[in-house]
Amino acid sequence: QAGSDPASMRTRAERKGDRYILNGTKRFITNADVADVISTYASTDPAKGSHGISAFIVEKSFPGITIGKHENKMGIRGSTTCEVIFDNCEVPVENLLGSEGEGFKIAMRTFDRSRPAVGAQAVGIAQGAIDYAVEYARQRQQFSQPIIQFQGLQWMLADMAMQTEAARQLVYHAAALCDAGKPSPMVSSMAKAFASDVAMKVTTDAVQILGGYGYIKEYPVERMMRDAKITQIYEGTNQIQRIVIARALAGTR
């Protein structure tokens, strides 16, 4: 439940001999019900805030771990999202990632690579919406001509294509930095935030181009719009991305 505020994390890990005992509940965990192994974070020293967070690898077979509520989501319904409940869950000390207190740093390094991946997801959704909207506009007739002949729709499609291509190139740039071993937190945040904002706008415009048909489930663009929304939220909300970018520009982080 800590969300964007890791210092308020409630899940605790207490070392007892050769094991850590984890207690707490994690929300919105992707594919938790089908995964055999889960990476998780818990506070080993609450007094240190984010500097007291540690990372662990937890196997589903460990005693004390259960899968809770399955969320009924608006989008990405092909992927399950669940609670994970730790009730005196016993985790061997060798399953500690890094050292105690390094969990927040590990998470931030992970974000440098996972945020461009969310950007790539967003670009794919946007491109799918463009492809469908263009084909629909070629086929749909109004006033004795395909609606793609109307300048108003042409400009919408042109903007959709420009925005998506710009997002694609920014995602490629962020990914190239990761491949070169030089990931940039600022560029990764830019790629994630920009591409996901583009995906939300492009899919909304695709629904508009299809008109009433865009609003019904027989056509895929309404699903694309619902799927696009999560890319603005997970791996750090787009408001958090803008904080990361601004702090990097100011040299304060």
C-alpha atoms as a PDB file:
ATOM      1  CA  GLN A   1       0.000   0.000   0.000  1.00  0.00           C
ATOM      2  CA  ALA A   2       3.031   2.293   0.163  1.00  0.00           C
ATOM      3  CA  GLY A   3       2.780   2.933  -3.584  1.00  0.00           C
ATOM      4  CA  SER A   4       5.005   5.869  -4.529  1.00  0.00           C
ATOM      5  CA  ASP A   5       6.124   6.332  -0.899  1.00  0.00           C
ATOM      6  CA  PRO A   6       8.512   3.441  -0.142  1.00  0.00           C
ATOM      7  CA  ALA A   7       9.490   4.855   3.242  1.00  0.00           C
ATOM      8  CA  SER A   8       5.977   4.015   4.478  1.00  0.00           C
ATOM      9  CA  MET A   9       6.308   0.334   3.536  1.00  0.00           C
ATOM     10  CA  ARG A  10       4.551  -1.845   6.105  1.00  0.00           C
ATOM     11  CA  THR A  11       5.921  -5.262   5.173  1.00  0.00           C
ATOM     12  CA  ARG A  12       8.598  -6.254   7.664  1.00  0.00           C
ATOM     13  CA  ALA A  13      11.480  -8.735   7.505  1.00  0.00           C
ATOM     14  CA  GLU A  14      13.119  -9.829  10.743  1.00  0.00           C
ATOM     15  CA  ARG A  15      16.190 -12.020  10.733  1.00  0.00           C
ATOM     16  CA  LYS A  16      16.067 -15.071  12.973  1.00  0.00           C
ATOM     17  CA  GLY A  17      19.104 -17.293  12.639  1.00  0.00           C
ATOM     18  CA  ASP A  18      19.513 -18.448   9.056  1.00  0.00           C
ATOM     19  CA  ARG A  19      16.123 -17.105   7.951  1.00  0.00           C
ATOM     20  CA  TYR A  20      14.180 -13.889   7.542  1.00  0.00           C
ATOM     21  CA  ILE A  21      10.583 -13.851   8.740  1.00  0.00           C
ATOM     22  CA  LEU A  22       8.382 -11.743   6.450  1.00  0.00           C
ATOM     23  CA  ASN A  23       5.030 -10.293   7.477  1.00  0.00           C
ATOM     24  CA  GLY A  24       2.823  -8.011   5.429  1.00  0.00           C
ATOM     25  CA  THR A  25       0.622  -7.756   2.353  1.00  0.00           C
ATOM     26  CA  LYS A  26       1.595  -6.693  -1.160  1.00  0.00           C
ATOM     27  CA  ARG A  27      -1.005  -5.211  -3.504  1.00  0.00           C
ATOM     28  CA  PHE A  28      -1.292  -5.221  -7.300  1.00  0.00           C
ATOM     29  CA  ILE A  29       1.273  -7.962  -7.949  1.00  0.00           C
ATOM     30  CA  THR A  30       1.367  -8.981 -11.604  1.00  0.00           C
ATOM     31  CA  ASN A  31       0.950 -12.718 -12.316  1.00  0.00           C
ATOM     32  CA  ALA A  32       1.421 -13.583  -8.633  1.00  0.00           C
ATOM     33  CA  ASP A  33      -0.957 -16.526  -8.897  1.00  0.00           C
ATOM     34  CA  VAL A  34       0.974 -18.200 -11.726  1.00  0.00           C
ATOM     35  CA  ALA A  35       4.544 -17.293 -10.755  1.00  0.00           C
ATOM     36  CA  ASP A  36       6.735 -19.839  -8.981  1.00  0.00           C
ATOM     37  CA  VAL A  37       9.179 -17.186  -7.756  1.00  0.00           C
ATOM     38  CA  ILE A  38       8.415 -13.669  -6.520  1.00  0.00           C
ATOM     39  CA  SER A  39      10.802 -10.785  -5.916  1.00  0.00           C
ATOM     40  CA  THR A  40       9.669  -8.629  -3.035  1.00  0.00           C
ATOM     41  CA  TYR A  41      10.770  -5.829  -0.741  1.00  0.00           C
ATOM     42  CA  ALA A  42      10.439  -5.510   3.017  1.00  0.00           C
ATOM     43  CA  SER A  43      11.711  -3.193   5.706  1.00  0.00           C
ATOM     44  CA  THR A  44      14.520  -4.686   7.764  1.00  0.00           C
ATOM     45  CA  ASP A  45      15.075  -1.417   9.648  1.00  0.00           C
ATOM     46  CA  PRO A  46      11.945   0.798   9.727  1.00  0.00           C
ATOM     47  CA  ALA A  47      13.817   3.612  11.489  1.00  0.00           C
ATOM     48  CA  LYS A  48      15.915   4.168   8.351  1.00  0.00           C
ATOM     49  CA  GLY A  49      12.941   4.682   6.029  1.00  0.00           C
ATOM     50  CA  SER A  50      13.777   3.901   2.404  1.00  0.00           C
ATOM     51  CA  HIS A  51      17.376   3.144   3.434  1.00  0.00           C
ATOM     52  CA  GLY A  52      16.091   0.317   5.621  1.00  0.00           C
ATOM     53  CA  ILE A  53      14.390  -1.585   2.795  1.00  0.00           C
ATOM     54  CA  SER A  54      15.802  -4.922   1.645  1.00  0.00           C
ATOM     55  CA  ALA A  55      15.036  -7.106  -1.377  1.00  0.00           C
ATOM     56  CA  PHE A  56      14.260 -10.827  -1.324  1.00  0.00           C
ATOM     57  CA  ILE A  57      13.578 -13.735  -3.653  1.00  0.00           C
ATOM     58  CA  VAL A  58      10.598 -15.700  -2.347  1.00  0.00           C
ATOM     59  CA  GLU A  59       9.589 -19.071  -3.747  1.00  0.00           C
ATOM     60  CA  LYS A  60       5.900 -19.927  -3.795  1.00  0.00           C
ATOM     61  CA  SER A  61       6.664 -23.145  -1.919  1.00  0.00           C
ATOM     62  CA  PHE A  62       7.990 -21.307   1.152  1.00  0.00           C
ATOM     63  CA  PRO A  63       5.770 -21.664   4.234  1.00  0.00           C
ATOM     64  CA  GLY A  64       3.735 -18.582   5.105  1.00  0.00           C
ATOM     65  CA  ILE A  65       3.014 -17.181   1.631  1.00  0.00           C
ATOM     66  CA  THR A  66      -0.507 -17.128   0.212  1.00  0.00           C
ATOM     67  CA  ILE A  67      -2.163 -15.474  -2.765  1.00  0.00           C
ATOM     68  CA  GLY A  68      -5.060 -13.223  -1.838  1.00  0.00           C
ATOM     69  CA  LYS A  69      -7.601 -11.196  -3.771  1.00  0.00           C
ATOM     70  CA  HIS A  70      -7.607 -11.270  -7.570  1.00  0.00           C
ATOM     71  CA  GLU A  71      -8.243  -7.736  -8.812  1.00  0.00           C
ATOM     72  CA  ASN A  72     -11.024  -7.122 -11.352  1.00  0.00           C
ATOM     73  CA  LYS A  73      -9.181  -4.643 -13.545  1.00  0.00           C
ATOM     74  CA  MET A  74     -10.293  -2.164 -16.177  1.00  0.00           C
ATOM     75  CA  GLY A  75      -7.563  -3.209 -18.616  1.00  0.00           C
ATOM     76  CA  ILE A  76      -4.709  -5.658 -19.263  1.00  0.00           C
ATOM     77  CA  ARG A  77      -7.172  -8.387 -18.376  1.00  0.00           C
ATOM     78  CA  GLY A  78      -4.995 -11.040 -19.992  1.00  0.00           C
ATOM     79  CA  SER A  79      -2.618 -10.638 -17.046  1.00  0.00           C
ATOM     80  CA  THR A  80      -3.698 -11.436 -13.504  1.00  0.00           C
ATOM     81  CA  THR A  81      -3.097  -9.024 -10.626  1.00  0.00           C
ATOM     82  CA  CYS A  82      -3.306 -10.255  -7.043  1.00  0.00           C
ATOM     83  CA  GLU A  83      -2.492  -9.675  -3.412  1.00  0.00           C
ATOM     84  CA  VAL A  84       0.451 -11.547  -1.920  1.00  0.00           C
ATOM     85  CA  ILE A  85       0.204 -12.176   1.816  1.00  0.00           C
ATOM     86  CA  PHE A  86       3.231 -12.960   3.969  1.00  0.00           C
ATOM     87  CA  ASP A  87       2.297 -14.467   7.334  1.00  0.00           C
ATOM     88  CA  ASN A  88       5.482 -15.439   9.156  1.00  0.00           C
ATOM     89  CA  CYS A  89       6.897 -16.420   5.771  1.00  0.00           C
ATOM     90  CA  GLU A  90      10.299 -18.045   6.188  1.00  0.00           C
ATOM     91  CA  VAL A  91      12.915 -16.912   3.659  1.00  0.00           C
ATOM     92  CA  PRO A  92      16.482 -18.307   3.759  1.00  0.00           C
ATOM     93  CA  VAL A  93      19.169 -15.664   4.290  1.00  0.00           C
ATOM     94  CA  GLU A  94      20.780 -16.609   0.973  1.00  0.00           C
ATOM     95  CA  ASN A  95      17.615 -15.316  -0.738  1.00  0.00           C
ATOM     96  CA  LEU A  96      18.470 -11.767   0.304  1.00  0.00           C
ATOM     97  CA  LEU A  97      19.315  -9.723  -2.814  1.00  0.00           C
ATOM     98  CA  GLY A  98      22.427  -7.671  -2.222  1.00  0.00           C
ATOM     99  CA  SER A  99      22.843  -6.538   1.368  1.00  0.00           C
ATOM    100  CA  GLU A 100      20.372  -5.378   3.974  1.00  0.00           C
ATOM    101  CA  GLY A 101      19.216  -1.843   3.255  1.00  0.00           C
ATOM    102  CA  GLU A 102      20.018  -2.002  -0.471  1.00  0.00           C
ATOM    103  CA  GLY A 103      16.471  -2.800  -1.570  1.00  0.00           C
ATOM    104  CA  PHE A 104      15.509   0.740  -2.560  1.00  0.00           C
ATOM    105  CA  LYS A 105      18.686   1.142  -4.611  1.00  0.00           C
ATOM    106  CA  ILE A 106      18.041  -2.199  -6.322  1.00  0.00           C
ATOM    107  CA  ALA A 107      14.471  -1.154  -7.125  1.00  0.00           C
ATOM    108  CA  MET A 108      15.615   2.141  -8.637  1.00  0.00           C
ATOM    109  CA  ARG A 109      18.192   0.380 -10.827  1.00  0.00           C
ATOM    110  CA  THR A 110      15.477  -2.020 -11.936  1.00  0.00           C
ATOM    111  CA  PHE A 111      13.217   0.892 -12.882  1.00  0.00           C
ATOM    112  CA  ASP A 112      15.931   2.265 -15.166  1.00  0.00           C
ATOM    113  CA  ARG A 113      15.389  -0.831 -17.318  1.00  0.00           C
ATOM    114  CA  SER A 114      11.730  -1.632 -16.720  1.00  0.00           C
ATOM    115  CA  ARG A 115      10.401   1.853 -17.473  1.00  0.00           C
ATOM    116  CA  PRO A 116      11.562   1.775 -21.112  1.00  0.00           C
ATOM    117  CA  ALA A 117       9.842  -1.625 -21.350  1.00  0.00           C
ATOM    118  CA  VAL A 118       6.565  -0.013 -20.280  1.00  0.00           C
ATOM    119  CA  GLY A 119       7.243   2.653 -22.891  1.00  0.00           C
ATOM    120  CA  ALA A 120       7.617  -0.098 -25.487  1.00  0.00           C
ATOM    121  CA  GLN A 121       4.313  -1.603 -24.376  1.00  0.00           C
ATOM    122  CA  ALA A 122       2.680   1.807 -24.770  1.00  0.00           C
ATOM    123  CA  VAL A 123       4.140   2.282 -28.254  1.00  0.00           C
ATOM    124  CA  GLY A 124       2.802  -1.114 -29.296  1.00  0.00           C
ATOM    125  CA  ILE A 125      -0.678  -0.286 -28.042  1.00  0.00           C
ATOM    126  CA  ALA A 126      -0.622   3.082 -29.810  1.00  0.00           C
ATOM    127  CA  GLN A 127       0.585   1.568 -33.078  1.00  0.00           C
ATOM    128  CA  GLY A 128      -2.123  -1.076 -32.942  1.00  0.00           C
ATOM    129  CA  ALA A 129      -4.748   1.622 -32.462  1.00  0.00           C
ATOM    130  CA  ILE A 130      -3.391   3.632 -35.403  1.00  0.00           C
ATOM    131  CA  ASP A 131      -3.339   0.591 -37.679  1.00  0.00           C
ATOM    132  CA  TYR A 132      -6.927  -0.275 -36.863  1.00  0.00           C
ATOM    133  CA  ALA A 133      -8.173   3.315 -37.114  1.00  0.00           C
ATOM    134  CA  VAL A 134      -6.522   3.824 -40.515  1.00  0.00           C
ATOM    135  CA  GLU A 135      -8.011   0.633 -41.940  1.00  0.00           C
ATOM    136  CA  TYR A 136     -11.427   1.494 -40.534  1.00  0.00           C
ATOM    137  CA  ALA A 137     -11.247   5.015 -41.975  1.00  0.00           C
ATOM    138  CA  ARG A 138     -10.425   3.572 -45.389  1.00  0.00           C
ATOM    139  CA  GLN A 139     -13.472   1.307 -45.311  1.00  0.00           C
ATOM    140  CA  ARG A 140     -16.063   3.453 -43.539  1.00  0.00           C
ATOM    141  CA  GLN A 141     -18.184   5.487 -45.975  1.00  0.00           C
ATOM    142  CA  GLN A 142     -19.913   8.756 -45.137  1.00  0.00           C
ATOM    143  CA  PHE A 143     -21.248  11.315 -47.599  1.00  0.00           C
ATOM    144  CA  SER A 144     -20.378   8.931 -50.459  1.00  0.00           C
ATOM    145  CA  GLN A 145     -16.660   8.702 -49.672  1.00  0.00           C
ATOM    146  CA  PRO A 146     -14.293   6.990 -47.224  1.00  0.00           C
ATOM    147  CA  ILE A 147     -13.963   9.049 -44.068  1.00  0.00           C
ATOM    148  CA  ILE A 148     -10.180   9.007 -44.443  1.00  0.00           C
ATOM    149  CA  GLN A 149     -10.705  11.563 -47.214  1.00  0.00           C
ATOM    150  CA  PHE A 150     -11.910  14.157 -44.698  1.00  0.00           C
ATOM    151  CA  GLN A 151      -9.184  16.564 -43.654  1.00  0.00           C
ATOM    152  CA  GLY A 152     -10.301  16.637 -40.027  1.00  0.00           C
ATOM    153  CA  LEU A 153      -9.658  12.900 -39.667  1.00  0.00           C
ATOM    154  CA  GLN A 154      -6.478  13.079 -41.741  1.00  0.00           C
ATOM    155  CA  TRP A 155      -5.013  15.579 -39.296  1.00  0.00           C
ATOM    156  CA  MET A 156      -6.005  13.405 -36.344  1.00  0.00           C
ATOM    157  CA  LEU A 157      -4.302  10.382 -37.907  1.00  0.00           C
ATOM    158  CA  ALA A 158      -1.217  12.413 -38.803  1.00  0.00           C
ATOM    159  CA  ASP A 159      -0.889  13.644 -35.216  1.00  0.00           C
ATOM    160  CA  MET A 160      -1.356  10.098 -33.916  1.00  0.00           C
ATOM    161  CA  ALA A 161       1.398   8.825 -36.214  1.00  0.00           C
ATOM    162  CA  MET A 162       3.816  11.659 -35.359  1.00  0.00           C
ATOM    163  CA  GLN A 163       3.343  11.249 -31.633  1.00  0.00           C
ATOM    164  CA  THR A 164       3.748   7.482 -31.775  1.00  0.00           C
ATOM    165  CA  GLU A 165       6.910   7.661 -33.863  1.00  0.00           C
ATOM    166  CA  ALA A 166       8.406  10.227 -31.483  1.00  0.00           C
ATOM    167  CA  ALA A 167       7.586   7.935 -28.558  1.00  0.00           C
ATOM    168  CA  ARG A 168       9.117   4.965 -30.377  1.00  0.00           C
ATOM    169  CA  GLN A 169      12.402   6.760 -30.972  1.00  0.00           C
ATOM    170  CA  LEU A 170      12.611   7.915 -27.344  1.00  0.00           C
ATOM    171  CA  VAL A 171      12.015   4.346 -26.154  1.00  0.00           C
ATOM    172  CA  TYR A 172      14.703   3.090 -28.551  1.00  0.00           C
ATOM    173  CA  HIS A 173      17.116   5.686 -27.164  1.00  0.00           C
ATOM    174  CA  ALA A 174      16.436   4.652 -23.562  1.00  0.00           C
ATOM    175  CA  ALA A 175      16.802   0.977 -24.478  1.00  0.00           C
ATOM    176  CA  ALA A 176      20.069   1.637 -26.336  1.00  0.00           C
ATOM    177  CA  LEU A 177      21.508   3.308 -23.237  1.00  0.00           C
ATOM    178  CA  CYS A 178      20.567   0.228 -21.198  1.00  0.00           C
ATOM    179  CA  ASP A 179      22.149  -2.082 -23.787  1.00  0.00           C
ATOM    180  CA  ALA A 180      25.332  -0.005 -23.655  1.00  0.00           C
ATOM    181  CA  GLY A 181      25.480  -0.410 -19.882  1.00  0.00           C
ATOM    182  CA  LYS A 182      24.748   3.288 -19.357  1.00  0.00           C
ATOM    183  CA  PRO A 183      21.092   3.429 -18.282  1.00  0.00           C
ATOM    184  CA  SER A 184      19.822   6.941 -17.607  1.00  0.00           C
ATOM    185  CA  PRO A 185      17.120   7.334 -14.942  1.00  0.00           C
ATOM    186  CA  MET A 186      16.044  10.594 -16.584  1.00  0.00           C
ATOM    187  CA  VAL A 187      15.796   9.185 -20.115  1.00  0.00           C
ATOM    188  CA  SER A 188      14.063   6.031 -18.868  1.00  0.00           C
ATOM    189  CA  SER A 189      11.484   8.188 -17.095  1.00  0.00           C
ATOM    190  CA  MET A 190      11.074  10.344 -20.203  1.00  0.00           C
ATOM    191  CA  ALA A 191      10.483   7.287 -22.374  1.00  0.00           C
ATOM    192  CA  LYS A 192       7.952   5.782 -20.000  1.00  0.00           C
ATOM    193  CA  ALA A 193       6.006   8.981 -19.345  1.00  0.00           C
ATOM    194  CA  PHE A 194       5.981  10.295 -22.906  1.00  0.00           C
ATOM    195  CA  ALA A 195       5.101   6.986 -24.554  1.00  0.00           C
ATOM    196  CA  SER A 196       2.319   6.201 -22.095  1.00  0.00           C
ATOM    197  CA  ASP A 197       0.800   9.675 -22.433  1.00  0.00           C
ATOM    198  CA  VAL A 198       0.926   9.213 -26.204  1.00  0.00           C
ATOM    199  CA  ALA A 199      -0.719   5.794 -25.952  1.00  0.00           C
ATOM    200  CA  MET A 200      -3.576   7.216 -23.901  1.00  0.00           C
ATOM    201  CA  LYS A 201      -4.170  10.061 -26.356  1.00  0.00           C
ATOM    202  CA  VAL A 202      -3.791   7.949 -29.487  1.00  0.00           C
ATOM    203  CA  THR A 203      -6.153   5.222 -28.303  1.00  0.00           C
ATOM    204  CA  THR A 204      -8.722   7.808 -27.221  1.00  0.00           C
ATOM    205  CA  ASP A 205      -8.506   9.389 -30.679  1.00  0.00           C
ATOM    206  CA  ALA A 206      -8.866   5.958 -32.286  1.00  0.00           C
ATOM    207  CA  VAL A 207     -12.114   5.446 -30.378  1.00  0.00           C
ATOM    208  CA  GLN A 208     -13.258   8.855 -31.628  1.00  0.00           C
ATOM    209  CA  ILE A 209     -12.451   7.982 -35.241  1.00  0.00           C
ATOM    210  CA  LEU A 210     -14.553   4.832 -35.003  1.00  0.00           C
ATOM    211  CA  GLY A 211     -17.390   6.820 -33.451  1.00  0.00           C
ATOM    212  CA  GLY A 212     -20.083   4.651 -31.894  1.00  0.00           C
ATOM    213  CA  TYR A 213     -18.323   1.500 -33.054  1.00  0.00           C
ATOM    214  CA  GLY A 214     -15.249   2.539 -31.104  1.00  0.00           C
ATOM    215  CA  TYR A 215     -17.275   2.426 -27.907  1.00  0.00           C
ATOM    216  CA  ILE A 216     -18.459  -1.164 -28.189  1.00  0.00           C
ATOM    217  CA  LYS A 217     -16.534  -4.318 -27.398  1.00  0.00           C
ATOM    218  CA  GLU A 218     -16.932  -5.830 -30.868  1.00  0.00           C
ATOM    219  CA  TYR A 219     -14.129  -3.513 -31.968  1.00  0.00           C
ATOM    220  CA  PRO A 220     -10.660  -3.610 -30.359  1.00  0.00           C
ATOM    221  CA  VAL A 221      -9.892   0.067 -29.861  1.00  0.00           C
ATOM    222  CA  GLU A 222     -11.900   0.381 -26.631  1.00  0.00           C
ATOM    223  CA  ARG A 223      -9.763  -2.410 -25.171  1.00  0.00           C
ATOM    224  CA  MET A 224      -6.621  -0.648 -26.366  1.00  0.00           C
ATOM    225  CA  MET A 225      -7.755   2.521 -24.607  1.00  0.00           C
ATOM    226  CA  ARG A 226      -8.345   0.596 -21.373  1.00  0.00           C
ATOM    227  CA  ASP A 227      -5.000  -1.174 -21.715  1.00  0.00           C
ATOM    228  CA  ALA A 228      -3.176   2.101 -22.369  1.00  0.00           C
ATOM    229  CA  LYS A 229      -4.263   3.623 -19.066  1.00  0.00           C
ATOM    230  CA  ILE A 230      -2.172   1.338 -16.885  1.00  0.00           C
ATOM    231  CA  THR A 231       1.017   2.400 -18.664  1.00  0.00           C
ATOM    232  CA  GLN A 232       0.558   5.841 -17.106  1.00  0.00           C
ATOM    233  CA  ILE A 233       0.336   4.257 -13.650  1.00  0.00           C
ATOM    234  CA  TYR A 234       2.600   1.268 -13.073  1.00  0.00           C
ATOM    235  CA  GLU A 235       6.396   1.298 -12.795  1.00  0.00           C
ATOM    236  CA  GLY A 236       5.880   4.707 -11.203  1.00  0.00           C
ATOM    237  CA  THR A 237       3.075   7.105 -12.077  1.00  0.00           C
ATOM    238  CA  ASN A 238       3.753   9.701 -14.733  1.00  0.00           C
ATOM    239  CA  GLN A 239       3.707  12.359 -12.037  1.00  0.00           C
ATOM    240  CA  ILE A 240       6.586  10.528 -10.333  1.00  0.00           C
ATOM    241  CA  GLN A 241       8.402  10.340 -13.696  1.00  0.00           C
ATOM    242  CA  ARG A 242       8.196  14.105 -14.011  1.00  0.00           C
ATOM    243  CA  ILE A 243       9.662  14.485 -10.522  1.00  0.00           C
ATOM    244  CA  VAL A 244      12.561  12.191 -11.513  1.00  0.00           C
ATOM    245  CA  ILE A 245      13.161  14.213 -14.687  1.00  0.00           C
ATOM    246  CA  ALA A 246      12.976  17.579 -12.914  1.00  0.00           C
ATOM    247  CA  ARG A 247      15.355  16.485 -10.149  1.00  0.00           C
ATOM    248  CA  ALA A 248      17.831  15.205 -12.728  1.00  0.00           C
ATOM    249  CA  LEU A 249      17.704  18.542 -14.543  1.00  0.00           C
ATOM    250  CA  ALA A 250      18.164  20.421 -11.276  1.00  0.00           C
ATOM    251  CA  GLY A 251      20.996  18.137 -10.200  1.00  0.00           C
ATOM    252  CA  THR A 252      19.261  17.325  -6.926  1.00  0.00           C
ATOM    253  CA  ARG A 253      19.102  13.547  -7.388  1.00  0.00           C
END
